[in-house]
Structure formats: structure tokens, C-alpha cells
Protein backbone atom coordinates (compact mmCIF):
# COMPACT_ATOMS: atom_id res chain seq x y z
CA MET A 1 88.81 110.87 94.14
CA ASN A 2 89.07 109.05 97.44
CA LEU A 3 92.36 109.14 99.37
CA SER A 4 92.99 106.93 102.39
CA SER A 5 95.85 105.01 104.03
CA THR A 6 96.16 101.27 103.56
CA THR A 7 96.22 98.72 106.39
CA ALA A 8 97.46 95.16 106.68
CA ARG A 9 95.56 91.90 106.79
CA ARG A 10 96.87 88.38 106.42
CA ALA A 11 95.43 86.46 103.46
CA LEU A 12 96.87 83.63 101.44
CA VAL A 13 95.63 82.69 98.00
CA LYS A 14 97.32 80.16 95.78
CA GLY A 15 97.47 80.42 92.02
CA ALA A 16 99.66 81.18 89.05
CA LEU A 17 99.92 84.38 87.05
CA ALA A 18 101.54 85.47 83.82
CA SER A 19 104.37 87.98 83.94
CA THR A 20 103.71 89.55 80.57
CA GLY A 21 106.59 89.82 78.17
CA ALA A 22 108.00 86.41 79.01
CA LEU A 23 106.81 82.83 79.16
CA LEU A 24 106.17 81.39 82.57
CA LEU A 25 109.44 80.39 84.13
CA GLY A 26 109.75 76.98 85.69
CA ALA A 27 109.03 77.02 89.39
CA SER A 28 111.79 75.90 91.71
CA PRO A 29 111.40 72.63 93.62
CA ALA A 30 109.38 73.03 96.78
CA LEU A 31 111.48 74.06 99.75
CA ALA A 32 110.57 73.59 103.37
CA ALA A 33 108.79 76.67 104.69
CA SER A 34 111.22 76.87 107.54
CA ARG A 35 114.11 77.67 105.25
CA THR A 36 115.02 81.35 105.32
CA THR A 37 117.78 83.61 104.08
CA GLY A 38 119.46 83.43 107.44
CA SER A 39 119.22 85.68 110.45
CA ARG A 40 119.13 88.87 108.38
CA PRO A 41 116.16 89.81 106.15
CA LEU A 42 116.55 90.57 102.49
CA ARG A 43 117.79 94.12 101.94
CA LEU A 44 117.15 96.70 99.28
CA PRO A 45 119.92 99.12 98.27
CA ALA A 46 119.75 102.62 99.70
CA PRO A 47 118.92 105.61 97.49
CA THR A 48 121.93 107.55 96.25
CA GLY A 49 120.47 111.06 96.00
CA PRO A 50 120.86 113.91 98.49
CA HIS A 51 117.31 113.77 99.90
CA PRO A 52 115.68 111.39 102.38
CA VAL A 53 112.40 110.03 101.04
CA SER A 54 108.87 109.95 102.44
CA ALA A 55 106.21 107.48 101.33
CA THR A 56 102.44 107.70 101.63
CA VAL A 57 99.91 105.15 100.37
CA HIS A 58 96.59 106.23 98.84
CA HIS A 59 93.40 104.67 97.57
CA LEU A 60 91.95 106.19 94.38
CA VAL A 61 88.46 105.48 93.04
CA ASP A 62 87.45 106.17 89.45
CA THR A 63 83.65 106.23 89.41
CA SER A 64 83.53 106.71 85.64
CA ARG A 65 84.72 103.16 84.88
CA ASN A 66 83.70 99.66 85.80
CA ASP A 67 86.43 97.27 86.80
CA PRO A 68 87.41 95.28 83.67
CA TRP A 69 88.24 92.10 85.59
CA GLU A 70 85.40 91.96 88.11
CA PRO A 71 82.17 93.75 87.06
CA ALA A 72 80.64 93.31 90.53
CA ILE A 73 83.05 95.94 91.88
CA GLU A 74 81.33 98.54 89.65
CA VAL A 75 84.10 101.16 89.95
CA ARG A 76 87.79 101.11 89.09
CA GLU A 77 89.96 101.27 92.22
CA LEU A 78 93.70 101.84 92.36
CA MET A 79 96.31 101.81 95.07
CA ILE A 80 99.29 104.11 94.70
CA THR A 81 102.37 105.02 96.70
CA VAL A 82 103.64 108.59 96.53
CA LEU A 83 107.36 109.03 97.21
CA ARG A 84 108.77 112.53 97.73
CA PRO A 85 111.85 114.18 99.25
CA ALA A 86 111.18 114.23 102.98
CA ALA A 87 111.20 117.25 105.27
CA PRO A 88 113.52 117.49 108.32
CA GLY A 89 112.43 115.25 111.15
CA HIS A 90 111.79 112.28 108.89
CA ARG A 91 113.72 109.93 111.18
CA ARG A 92 110.84 110.09 113.68
CA PHE A 93 108.82 108.03 111.21
CA PRO A 94 109.32 104.28 110.67
CA ARG A 95 110.88 102.83 107.55
CA ALA A 96 108.17 101.61 105.22
CA PRO A 97 108.09 97.88 104.45
CA GLN A 98 108.37 96.79 100.87
CA MET A 99 105.17 94.77 101.33
CA THR A 100 102.55 94.64 104.06
CA PRO A 101 102.22 91.34 105.95
CA ALA A 102 99.06 90.38 104.05
CA ALA A 103 100.50 91.21 100.64
CA ALA A 104 103.79 89.54 101.48
CA GLY A 105 102.04 86.37 102.59
CA HIS A 106 100.14 86.11 99.33
CA PHE A 107 103.22 86.98 97.28
CA GLY A 108 105.20 84.28 99.07
CA GLU A 109 102.60 81.66 98.16
CA LEU A 110 102.23 82.75 94.55
CA ALA A 111 105.71 83.82 93.40
CA PRO A 112 107.33 80.34 93.53
CA LEU A 113 104.64 79.12 91.12
CA VAL A 114 105.67 81.73 88.55
CA HIS A 115 109.38 82.28 89.10
CA PRO A 116 112.20 80.03 90.35
CA LEU A 117 111.88 81.70 93.76
CA PRO A 118 112.05 79.66 96.96
CA GLN A 119 109.18 79.14 99.34
CA GLY A 120 109.51 80.11 102.97
CA VAL A 121 110.99 83.59 102.43
CA ASP A 122 109.77 86.25 104.86
CA TRP A 123 109.00 88.90 102.25
CA ALA A 124 107.34 91.10 104.87
CA ALA A 125 110.68 91.57 106.64
CA THR A 126 112.21 93.60 103.78
CA LEU A 127 112.21 97.32 104.49
CA THR A 128 112.48 100.14 101.98
CA HIS A 129 114.64 103.22 102.56
CA THR A 130 111.60 105.46 102.77
CA ARG A 131 109.86 106.87 105.84
CA ALA A 132 106.19 105.95 106.07
CA GLY A 133 103.97 108.99 106.52
CA ALA A 134 106.82 111.49 106.88
CA PRO A 135 105.96 115.00 105.64
CA ALA A 136 107.35 115.99 102.28
CA ARG A 137 109.81 118.80 101.71
CA PRO A 138 107.87 121.91 100.56
CA GLY A 139 107.90 122.92 96.93
CA LEU A 140 106.55 121.81 93.57
CA ARG A 141 108.44 118.98 91.93
CA PRO A 142 108.16 117.16 88.60
CA VAL A 143 106.22 113.90 88.84
CA LEU A 144 107.03 110.46 87.48
CA LEU A 145 104.51 107.58 87.33
CA TYR A 146 105.54 103.93 87.45
CA SER A 147 103.63 100.98 85.99
CA PRO A 148 104.97 97.54 87.06
CA GLY A 149 105.35 94.41 84.94
CA GLY A 150 102.40 92.19 84.07
CA GLY A 151 101.28 90.32 87.17
CA ASP A 152 103.72 92.25 89.38
CA PRO A 153 102.73 94.52 92.28
CA ARG A 154 103.94 98.12 92.40
CA THR A 155 106.04 97.22 95.45
CA LEU A 156 108.59 95.37 93.28
CA GLY A 157 109.65 98.76 91.93
CA SER A 158 110.40 100.25 95.35
CA SER A 159 114.17 100.61 95.00
CA LEU A 160 114.25 102.52 91.71
CA ALA A 161 111.32 104.73 92.78
CA ALA A 162 113.03 105.66 96.04
CA ASP A 163 116.27 106.47 94.23
CA LEU A 164 114.50 108.79 91.80
CA ALA A 165 112.68 110.51 94.68
CA SER A 166 115.98 111.00 96.51
CA TYR A 167 117.10 113.19 93.59
CA GLY A 168 114.06 115.44 93.82
CA TRP A 169 111.25 113.93 91.75
CA THR A 170 107.87 113.00 93.13
CA VAL A 171 107.38 109.38 92.12
CA VAL A 172 103.97 107.67 92.05
CA THR A 173 103.96 103.87 91.82
CA VAL A 174 100.66 102.50 90.52
CA ASP A 175 99.09 99.09 91.06
CA HIS A 176 96.78 97.59 88.43
CA PRO A 177 94.31 95.50 90.47
CA GLY A 178 92.94 92.34 88.95
CA GLU A 179 96.14 91.43 87.13
CA ALA A 180 98.68 92.39 89.83
CA SER A 181 99.59 89.36 91.95
CA GLU A 182 97.87 91.03 94.89
CA VAL A 183 96.64 94.50 95.84
CA GLU A 184 95.68 95.37 99.40
CA PHE A 185 92.93 97.94 99.94
CA PRO A 186 91.96 99.82 103.12
CA ASP A 187 88.77 97.78 103.47
CA GLU A 188 86.40 95.42 101.73
CA ARG A 189 83.69 96.46 99.29
CA PRO A 190 81.02 94.61 97.28
CA GLY A 191 82.71 92.38 94.74
CA ARG A 192 86.09 92.03 96.50
CA GLU A 193 87.86 91.37 99.78
CA ARG A 194 90.47 93.65 101.26
CA LEU A 195 93.31 91.70 99.64
CA ARG A 196 92.49 91.33 95.96
CA PRO A 197 94.40 88.55 94.15
CA THR A 198 95.15 88.27 90.47
CA VAL A 199 92.65 86.83 88.03
CA LEU A 200 95.40 85.64 85.67
CA PHE A 201 96.24 81.94 85.74
CA GLY A 202 98.55 81.50 82.78
CA PRO A 203 99.92 83.47 79.84
CA PRO A 204 97.27 85.93 78.64
CA ASP A 205 95.53 85.32 75.33
CA ALA A 206 95.24 88.13 72.78
CA ALA A 207 92.00 89.51 74.18
CA THR A 208 93.27 89.44 77.76
CA PHE A 209 96.49 91.19 76.81
CA ARG A 210 94.57 93.97 75.04
CA THR A 211 92.44 94.41 78.16
CA MET A 212 95.61 94.59 80.27
CA ILE A 213 97.24 97.31 78.21
CA ASP A 214 94.06 99.32 77.59
CA THR A 215 93.28 99.20 81.32
CA ARG A 216 96.79 100.22 82.31
CA VAL A 217 96.74 103.20 79.94
CA ALA A 218 93.37 104.26 81.36
CA ASP A 219 94.68 103.77 84.93
CA LEU A 220 97.69 106.00 84.27
CA ARG A 221 95.59 108.68 82.61
CA PHE A 222 93.17 108.61 85.54
CA VAL A 223 95.98 109.06 88.07
CA ILE A 224 97.38 111.99 86.08
CA GLY A 225 93.99 113.67 86.19
CA ALA A 226 93.21 112.75 89.80
CA LEU A 227 96.48 114.34 90.95
CA GLY A 228 95.90 117.43 88.83
CA LEU A 229 99.05 117.02 86.75
CA GLU A 230 99.71 118.85 83.50
CA ARG A 231 103.27 117.65 82.80
CA VAL A 232 104.40 114.20 83.85
CA GLY A 233 106.96 111.51 83.02
CA VAL A 234 106.10 107.82 82.99
CA TYR A 235 108.18 104.66 83.19
CA GLY A 236 107.21 101.03 83.29
CA HIS A 237 108.58 97.52 83.20
CA SER A 238 107.50 94.77 80.76
CA ALA A 239 103.71 95.17 80.31
CA GLY A 240 104.15 98.43 82.18
CA GLY A 241 106.67 99.50 79.56
CA THR A 242 104.20 98.63 76.82
CA ALA A 243 101.54 100.68 78.61
CA VAL A 244 103.64 103.80 79.22
CA ALA A 245 104.78 103.89 75.59
CA GLN A 246 101.16 103.71 74.42
CA ALA A 247 100.10 106.26 77.06
CA LEU A 248 102.73 108.65 75.70
CA HIS A 249 101.07 108.27 72.31
CA GLU A 250 97.58 108.97 73.68
CA ASP A 251 98.10 111.67 76.31
CA ARG A 252 99.82 115.03 75.65
CA ARG A 253 100.26 115.59 79.38
CA ILE A 254 103.00 112.93 79.27
CA VAL A 255 106.21 114.65 78.17
CA ALA A 256 108.59 111.66 78.29
CA ALA A 257 108.37 107.89 78.79
CA ALA A 258 110.80 105.09 79.58
CA ASP A 259 109.84 101.61 78.37
CA LEU A 260 111.84 99.09 80.38
CA GLU A 261 111.65 96.05 78.09
CA GLY A 262 108.00 96.09 77.06
CA TYR A 263 107.00 94.83 73.62
CA LEU A 264 105.26 97.30 71.30
CA ASP A 265 102.75 94.93 69.74
CA TRP A 266 99.73 92.88 70.67
CA THR A 267 100.26 89.16 71.16
CA ASP A 268 98.92 88.49 67.64
CA GLY A 269 101.79 90.51 66.15
CA GLU A 270 99.86 93.68 65.30
CA LEU A 271 101.91 96.74 66.17
CA LEU A 272 100.58 99.14 68.77
CA PRO A 273 99.61 102.59 67.47
CA VAL A 274 102.71 104.09 69.10
CA ALA A 275 104.92 101.74 67.06
CA ARG A 276 103.05 102.38 63.82
CA GLN A 277 103.52 106.13 64.06
CA LYS A 278 106.26 108.58 64.88
CA THR A 279 106.45 109.99 68.40
CA ASP A 280 107.31 113.66 68.86
CA ARG A 281 108.19 113.29 72.56
CA PRO A 282 111.17 111.50 74.11
CA LEU A 283 110.91 107.74 74.58
CA LEU A 284 113.60 105.52 76.08
CA LEU A 285 113.64 101.85 75.05
CA ALA A 286 115.76 100.06 77.66
CA GLY A 287 116.44 96.33 77.46
CA THR A 288 118.66 93.53 78.70
CA ASP A 289 121.02 91.31 76.74
CA GLY A 290 119.48 88.22 78.37
CA PHE A 291 115.89 88.90 77.30
CA ARG A 292 116.40 90.39 73.84
CA ASP A 293 114.60 88.48 71.10
CA ALA A 294 113.26 88.88 67.58
CA ARG A 295 109.91 90.23 68.74
CA LEU A 296 111.54 93.00 70.73
CA ASP A 297 113.82 93.90 67.82
CA ARG A 298 110.90 93.92 65.39
CA THR A 299 108.55 96.05 67.45
CA TRP A 300 111.15 98.49 68.75
CA GLY A 301 112.72 98.69 65.31
CA ALA A 302 109.37 99.58 63.76
CA LEU A 303 109.04 102.61 66.02
CA MET A 304 112.66 103.70 65.60
CA ALA A 305 112.35 103.51 61.81
CA HIS A 306 110.02 106.53 61.96
CA GLY A 307 112.73 108.66 63.55
CA GLY A 308 111.92 111.10 66.31
CA PRO A 309 113.31 111.39 69.85
CA VAL A 310 113.56 107.66 70.52
CA VAL A 311 116.70 106.09 71.98
CA ARG A 312 117.48 102.43 72.64
CA HIS A 313 119.88 101.14 75.29
CA GLU A 314 120.86 97.60 76.24
CA LEU A 315 122.28 96.57 79.61
CA ALA A 316 124.95 93.86 79.67
CA HIS A 317 124.90 90.72 81.85
CA THR A 318 121.26 91.28 82.81
CA HIS A 319 117.87 89.67 82.31
CA HIS A 320 114.26 90.84 82.35
CA TRP A 321 113.71 91.43 86.09
CA ALA A 322 116.93 93.43 86.53
CA PHE A 323 114.68 96.51 86.27
CA THR A 324 112.88 95.51 89.49
CA ASP A 325 113.78 94.88 93.12
CA HIS A 326 114.59 91.31 92.11
CA ALA A 327 117.88 92.70 90.81
CA THR A 328 119.07 92.79 94.43
CA LEU A 329 116.85 90.23 96.15
CA VAL A 330 117.51 87.31 93.80
CA PRO A 331 121.33 87.43 94.21
CA HIS A 332 120.76 87.50 97.99
CA LEU A 333 118.66 84.35 97.69
CA GLN A 334 121.32 82.65 95.59
CA ALA A 335 124.01 83.60 98.10
CA ALA A 336 121.87 82.02 100.83
CA GLY A 337 121.77 78.76 98.87
CA LEU A 338 118.06 79.05 98.03
CA MET A 339 118.48 79.56 94.28
CA SER A 340 120.92 78.16 91.75
CA ALA A 341 123.13 80.24 89.49
CA ASP A 342 120.99 79.26 86.50
CA GLN A 343 117.81 80.30 88.27
CA ARG A 344 119.33 83.62 89.19
CA ALA A 345 120.52 84.19 85.61
CA SER A 346 117.05 83.38 84.22
CA MET A 347 115.58 86.25 86.23
CA VAL A 348 118.16 89.02 86.58
CA GLY A 349 121.25 87.86 84.66
CA THR A 350 124.76 87.10 85.83
CA GLY A 351 125.94 90.64 86.54
CA ASN A 352 126.92 91.83 90.00
CA PRO A 353 124.04 93.89 91.45
CA ARG A 354 126.62 96.40 92.68
CA ALA A 355 127.08 97.23 89.00
CA THR A 356 123.71 96.42 87.43
CA VAL A 357 121.50 98.23 89.95
CA PRO A 358 123.41 101.54 89.64
CA ALA A 359 123.41 101.13 85.85
CA VAL A 360 119.61 100.90 85.75
CA ARG A 361 119.27 103.82 88.15
CA ARG A 362 121.63 106.03 86.16
CA LEU A 363 119.94 105.18 82.88
CA VAL A 364 116.44 106.09 84.03
CA ARG A 365 117.57 109.07 86.09
CA SER A 366 119.67 110.60 83.32
CA PHE A 367 116.79 110.22 80.84
CA PHE A 368 114.33 112.12 83.01
CA ALA A 369 116.99 114.63 84.05
CA ARG A 370 117.18 115.64 80.40
CA HIS A 371 113.48 115.70 79.66
CA LEU A 372 111.74 116.47 82.97
CA PRO A 373 114.47 118.00 85.13
CA VAL A 374 114.16 118.66 88.85
């Protein structure tokens, strides 16, 4: 295992990627790059727990695997962020940005090609409510791992991760390089530059989707082992939800999983092993009323028909990306006149983020409070 801090480098790469679990959304009309959200940057909601939160970024290297997307890399590399309750004196450390300048620049070029997001947004200006490099409060704490949606970087789960950490969990957000829109590493290596862009340029075919999920499961299992964990919770959005549900099936070290709107089948309709069999450990199936469809009902229903500790919950007035930082950022963009009401609804729903964001936080927090308490 190799641990090191990440640095920033500006790199812009254009392309289009698939956010698994949904068809590509129509991109918004091009907007002049000079248009911004006004004099104030986009803001993420503060954590609601009693603890301040520290954040450290690490580089992990799995020498036992080749990279599935780029064989020239020869090893499987991951970037993770570890969020923990911070020790006193945390205010001496700067607030961590949601994205580094290099990652934000690439995200700003790519995201409007995938989502109805405007161009010209300074994504690098958004700060999290965590303190970069601050020491953690002493003590052992239960650990939760996060796997983002297909094509999404781990940084789009910053708000929920920080909220969970503020209540006492250690939260590890995991990037899946090669399919994530961009992943920034500490340096270059043979086969890749420091900023590694996605290889996906459209909805994944059946073989690509299997590679995505198999790789994500292997990534999560590697992180669990690299960090020396014996009991862990996992949660993930969209393809990340698919992956954590399957990881629960494959790895007994995972004691509970929360699938945030990930299908439980392959794209050819074959059910995943977790859906074909009964699970004996808790699994939350959380969805939105805006994204629910026959495929979700069929695959989730197949698992629930076996019985076991599986619970399903649906959030009202929401859509697929309400489980991510877009739940707050997209309404801000609409309020600034950079997105229409329909575009906002197609991503996060029509609900007020002052209600929908706390609802998501409470749902995930209460699930893990029951099954992996602090």
C-alpha cells in the first residue's frame, strides 16, 4: 500500500461519459464562459453532527491487479479521501475544496456534455466543511466506504460523507479511475498523466458495465484490506449502489450496505448474484420518485422476494442525483438563472434542498446507526 497526499495541476480534456443507471441527459445550450453564479461561489450545506471534520487524501496502489481500462498502467491505483471527527485546533487548517483546480477544470469541461449543467461555473471555488490535513480525534471508530455513481468522481459525495463523519463515523470516499470523469494523482506514471480522464464516451455496453461493477467490487474489497478493516459499512450511488450491494454479497467483512438507486442486474437483464439470492445482512434500497422505473422495481423486487433484512425507501419530489452534492448545487444554479426548472427537475427533482438534503442524510445515517453504530 502506498499512501501520499494529492496535489493540483490544471488539465482540460473534453469528452462525454455515461452516468450509469440513467440514459445520457441532454446537454444544456452552450453558455458563455464568463457567466458565473454571481459574486458568491456555490456552497455545500454544513454537517449537522456535533464533531468538526478532518479530511486527508491518499493514494493506494494494488500491485496484485492490472488496471482494467488501461493495461499500460500495470497496477490498479485508487485515490481516496478519509473523513474523520477532527481534534481540537482544527480551525488552524484550511477548509478543503470540493475539487482541486485541475479536477474542477476538467469537470467543468465535461459535465455540460453529460448533464444539463452550464458552462463557465468555477467548480474549484466550492469549499467543503472539512479541514484539510487536520488531525483526527483519537479513538477507534466504525468505518463507512462510499462508491460514487458511474462516471462520477468521489468528490460529488462530499456533503453526505462530511455529515456522516460529523456524527462519529470514519468515512472513506473511493474513486474508480478509468470510468470516473477525472481522478487526480500525486504524480505521473507510465501509462497515465497526473490527471486521468474517463475512458467512457457513451452509455456502457453489457461487457463494459460488467467490467465497471466487477472492478468497483474489487476496488472496495482492496480498500477494506489495505486499511486493515474487519467490520465495515458501504454505501454507493447508482453504479456505486449496484457495486456495494454486490460487495455485501461477496465480502463478509461488510456488515451493512446502502444502495442509493443502483440497479441489481446487468444491462442484459440478468440479475446480479445478490438479487438472485437472499442476503443475511442489512441492505437499504433507497430511491427517488423521479427515477423509479420498471427495471428498478423488477431487480429490487427480486431481492426483496427472498426476504431477509432488506428495506426499501422512496424519497418524494426528488430525482437520481439528489443523493449527491448536486442536490444543493443544481438549485443554486437554477436560482442564478443558469438552469431551467425542467433541467433542475431532471437531475435532482423539484423538492426544496432544505428538505431533501436532510431527508437523504437522515435516511443513510439512521440506517448505519442501527447496523454499525458509533
